[in-house]
Every structure is written in C-alpha cells, then in structure tokens.
Amino acid sequence: LATVSGTTSAAGVQTILPVPRVALASSSQVTAGTVNQGAVGHQLFRFTTAVTTANATMSSLSFVTAGTYAAIDVVNFRLWYNTSNDFTTALQVGSPVIGSLGTGTHTFSGLNVNTAAGTTGYFWITTDIAPFPTNGRTISINAITTGDIGYTLSAIESGSTRAGGAQTITTVHGVL
C-alpha cells in the first residue's frame, strides 16, 4: 500500500509514498508488584513499535486502567519514549494526563513521536502515586491494541500487547 499525492492532469506529477508498517509488542511486560506511597515515575506498562517501510509518527495513544484504586491515589500518568530499551534515558513525550484519573480510558493526545523506518520505538507508561493513598489498592493497565494508537498518516498495524501486572499500593506504617 502507498499514499498518493499530487495531480492527475496530463503531464502532472504524482508522488507515491510508502505506508509505514508498525508491529506492536510487549515481550517484556511490567510484572505484578508493589508501589510505595509518593513514588514518582513508577512503571505500569511498556511496549514496543517496530517500524518498517516508512517512518511512523504517533499522534495519540489511549489506554485503560483497572484495579481498585481511586483517582485520589494517583497524581498523573506519563508517557515515555526511547530509541533503545533503556527507561533511564527515555524522554517524556506529550503532556501528562492529570484529570479524570480513576479507572477507565485515558488518552495522550497531540503527540508527535516519530519512529524511523527500520527501527523500534520503546514506550513506557508511568504514574506518580499520591502522598496519602489508600493502602492495599491496586492499579494496572489493560492490554493496548493497534486500535488504541493513532498516527499522523495511515499505518498498517499488527501485533498485540499483554496487560501490565497489578501494582499494589503500600503505605508506610504510621501514615494512613
């Protein structure tokens, strides 16, 4: 498949551009664990996009949170990107989600994350846990599908992810 642009009149010029192919995966997903109150940048989910044929620019990403947590237990959700599988050098992309933080669908919009053809993009979704959450509540992110990712130009998408492991919120003794 290709994207065609230009004119079709006699002697007109048409440009044929290849359509990016994007393979979604989560071969190494976040496993179940615990997260302390006040934790910053705690990983909830990770996935990759292997791009071939042409560059792919992600414009939006939707994800669904689940668990027993309430909106007051978290401060935000953030999206991180890197061209290598190294969270410590990843860059935050887009604006954090800071409203309507309870369970359900959340969206990073207005993204401009380009992954070059022939390379893999590495993504992480993190949260900051509130200073005074409720002990024992859980939070996780459901599997992300190709339908949850938007691109600036059409892309041929394939693959799937697994859900992130449930994170149990813990509080320090003596703090409610």
Protein backbone atom coordinates (compact mmCIF):
# COMPACT_ATOMS: atom_id res chain seq x y z
CA LEU A 1 0.00 0.00 0.00
CA ALA A 2 1.04 3.56 -0.63
CA THR A 3 -0.15 7.11 -0.19
CA VAL A 4 -0.54 9.03 -3.45
CA SER A 5 -0.36 12.82 -3.62
CA GLY A 6 -0.12 15.35 -6.42
CA THR A 7 -2.14 15.99 -9.56
CA THR A 8 -3.59 13.67 -12.16
CA SER A 9 -3.78 16.08 -15.12
CA ALA A 10 -1.83 15.43 -18.31
CA ALA A 11 1.88 15.51 -17.56
CA GLY A 12 1.02 16.01 -13.91
CA VAL A 13 3.28 14.69 -11.21
CA GLN A 14 2.20 12.22 -8.60
CA THR A 15 4.28 11.25 -5.62
CA ILE A 16 3.84 7.77 -4.27
CA LEU A 17 4.88 7.39 -0.64
CA PRO A 18 5.18 4.05 1.15
CA VAL A 19 2.85 3.41 4.08
CA PRO A 20 4.56 2.58 7.37
CA ARG A 21 4.11 -0.90 8.80
CA VAL A 22 4.05 -0.94 12.59
CA ALA A 23 4.31 -4.13 14.68
CA LEU A 24 3.11 -3.66 18.26
CA ALA A 25 4.56 -5.91 21.01
CA SER A 26 5.18 -6.22 24.75
CA SER A 27 7.57 -9.14 25.06
CA SER A 28 8.82 -7.86 28.42
CA GLN A 29 5.79 -6.53 30.32
CA VAL A 30 5.68 -4.97 33.81
CA THR A 31 5.05 -7.77 36.31
CA ALA A 32 2.85 -7.63 39.40
CA GLY A 33 4.46 -5.86 42.33
CA THR A 34 4.12 -3.18 44.97
CA VAL A 35 4.48 0.58 44.79
CA ASN A 36 5.06 2.86 47.76
CA GLN A 37 3.10 5.98 48.54
CA GLY A 38 4.71 9.06 46.99
CA ALA A 39 6.56 7.01 44.34
CA VAL A 40 7.43 9.05 41.24
CA GLY A 41 7.69 7.59 37.73
CA HIS A 42 6.53 4.10 38.67
CA GLN A 43 6.23 1.91 35.56
CA LEU A 44 2.79 0.45 34.90
CA PHE A 45 3.15 -0.64 31.27
CA ARG A 46 5.69 -0.97 28.47
CA PHE A 47 5.50 -1.79 24.78
CA THR A 48 7.40 -1.50 21.52
CA THR A 49 6.58 -0.46 17.96
CA ALA A 50 8.81 -1.98 15.27
CA VAL A 51 8.51 0.19 12.16
CA THR A 52 9.28 -0.84 8.58
CA THR A 53 8.68 0.54 5.07
CA ALA A 54 8.40 4.23 6.11
CA ASN A 55 8.68 6.45 9.18
CA ALA A 56 5.66 6.39 11.54
CA THR A 57 4.64 9.37 13.67
CA MET A 58 2.41 8.55 16.65
CA SER A 59 -0.18 11.25 17.29
CA SER A 60 -2.23 9.69 20.11
CA LEU A 61 -2.33 6.75 22.49
CA SER A 62 -5.30 5.57 24.55
CA PHE A 63 -5.05 3.11 27.43
CA VAL A 64 -7.38 1.64 30.03
CA THR A 65 -6.51 1.50 33.73
CA ALA A 66 -8.03 -1.11 36.02
CA GLY A 67 -7.91 -2.14 39.66
CA THR A 68 -9.35 -0.98 42.96
CA TYR A 69 -7.53 2.37 43.06
CA ALA A 70 -9.35 5.70 43.13
CA ALA A 71 -8.40 8.89 41.31
CA ILE A 72 -7.06 10.39 44.56
CA ASP A 73 -4.47 7.58 44.84
CA VAL A 74 -2.51 8.80 41.80
CA VAL A 75 -1.21 12.20 40.65
CA ASN A 76 -0.80 11.63 36.90
CA PHE A 77 0.04 9.29 34.05
CA ARG A 78 3.05 9.99 31.82
CA LEU A 79 4.26 8.55 28.50
CA TRP A 80 7.98 7.99 27.85
CA TYR A 81 9.84 7.16 24.61
CA ASN A 82 13.30 5.99 23.64
CA THR A 83 15.00 4.56 20.57
CA SER A 84 16.69 1.98 22.82
CA ASN A 85 15.32 -0.28 25.53
CA ASP A 86 16.54 1.98 28.35
CA PHE A 87 13.97 3.69 30.56
CA THR A 88 16.67 5.63 32.43
CA THR A 89 17.43 7.70 29.30
CA ALA A 90 13.85 7.84 27.94
CA LEU A 91 12.21 11.21 27.32
CA GLN A 92 8.73 12.14 28.43
CA VAL A 93 6.54 12.81 25.39
CA GLY A 94 3.32 14.78 25.30
CA SER A 95 1.59 16.21 28.32
CA PRO A 96 0.84 14.12 31.38
CA VAL A 97 -2.74 13.00 31.98
CA ILE A 98 -3.75 14.90 35.12
CA GLY A 99 -7.57 14.89 35.06
CA SER A 100 -10.12 12.10 35.47
CA LEU A 101 -7.50 9.70 36.81
CA GLY A 102 -9.84 6.94 38.02
CA THR A 103 -10.23 3.56 36.34
CA GLY A 104 -11.14 3.68 32.67
CA THR A 105 -9.86 5.10 29.41
CA HIS A 106 -7.17 7.80 29.31
CA THR A 107 -5.56 9.40 26.25
CA PHE A 108 -2.25 11.04 25.44
CA SER A 109 -3.14 13.33 22.53
CA GLY A 110 -1.22 15.87 20.47
CA LEU A 111 1.80 13.58 20.31
CA ASN A 112 4.49 13.93 17.66
CA VAL A 113 6.62 10.82 18.26
CA ASN A 114 8.48 9.73 15.14
CA THR A 115 9.95 6.25 14.86
CA ALA A 116 12.17 5.84 11.80
CA ALA A 117 11.66 3.00 9.35
CA GLY A 118 13.88 0.05 10.20
CA THR A 119 13.95 0.85 13.93
CA THR A 120 11.98 0.06 17.07
CA GLY A 121 10.40 2.59 19.41
CA TYR A 122 10.27 1.78 23.12
CA PHE A 123 7.42 3.21 25.23
CA TRP A 124 6.59 3.25 28.94
CA ILE A 125 3.53 4.49 30.82
CA THR A 126 4.22 5.59 34.39
CA THR A 127 2.31 7.05 37.29
CA ASP A 128 3.15 9.12 40.33
CA ILE A 129 1.47 7.76 43.47
CA ALA A 130 -0.18 10.32 45.75
CA PRO A 131 1.44 11.17 49.09
CA PHE A 132 -1.51 9.73 51.04
CA PRO A 133 -3.14 6.91 49.02
CA THR A 134 -5.28 4.14 50.45
CA ASN A 135 -3.16 1.13 51.43
CA GLY A 136 -3.74 -2.12 49.55
CA ARG A 137 -5.47 -0.72 46.47
CA THR A 138 -4.30 -1.98 43.08
CA ILE A 139 -3.65 -0.34 39.71
CA SER A 140 -2.81 -1.84 36.32
CA ILE A 141 -3.13 -1.12 32.59
CA ASN A 142 -5.05 -3.42 30.27
CA ALA A 143 -3.51 -4.66 27.02
CA ILE A 144 -3.10 -1.95 24.36
CA THR A 145 -4.27 -2.84 20.85
CA THR A 146 -3.44 -1.39 17.45
CA GLY A 147 -6.77 0.47 17.58
CA ASP A 148 -5.54 2.41 20.62
CA ILE A 149 -2.70 4.09 18.70
CA GLY A 150 -3.18 6.94 16.25
CA TYR A 151 -0.68 8.01 13.58
CA THR A 152 -0.45 11.27 11.63
CA LEU A 153 -0.61 9.29 8.37
CA SER A 154 -2.26 5.92 7.93
CA ALA A 155 -0.18 2.95 9.01
CA ILE A 156 -0.58 -0.78 8.59
CA GLU A 157 -0.58 -2.04 12.16
CA SER A 158 -0.20 -5.56 13.54
CA GLY A 159 0.68 -7.28 16.78
CA SER A 160 -0.61 -7.10 20.32
CA THR A 161 0.46 -6.49 23.91
CA ARG A 162 -0.20 -8.13 27.25
CA ALA A 163 -1.74 -6.35 30.23
CA GLY A 164 0.62 -4.86 32.78
CA GLY A 165 0.85 -6.63 36.14
CA ALA A 166 -1.23 -5.26 39.01
CA GLN A 167 0.68 -2.90 41.32
CA THR A 168 -0.42 -2.91 44.95
CA ILE A 169 -0.14 0.46 46.68
CA THR A 170 1.58 0.33 50.07
CA THR A 171 1.80 2.97 52.76
CA VAL A 172 4.43 3.45 55.42
CA HIS A 173 3.47 2.37 58.94
CA GLY A 174 2.12 5.27 60.93
CA VAL A 175 0.81 7.06 57.82
CA LEU A 176 -2.82 6.47 56.89
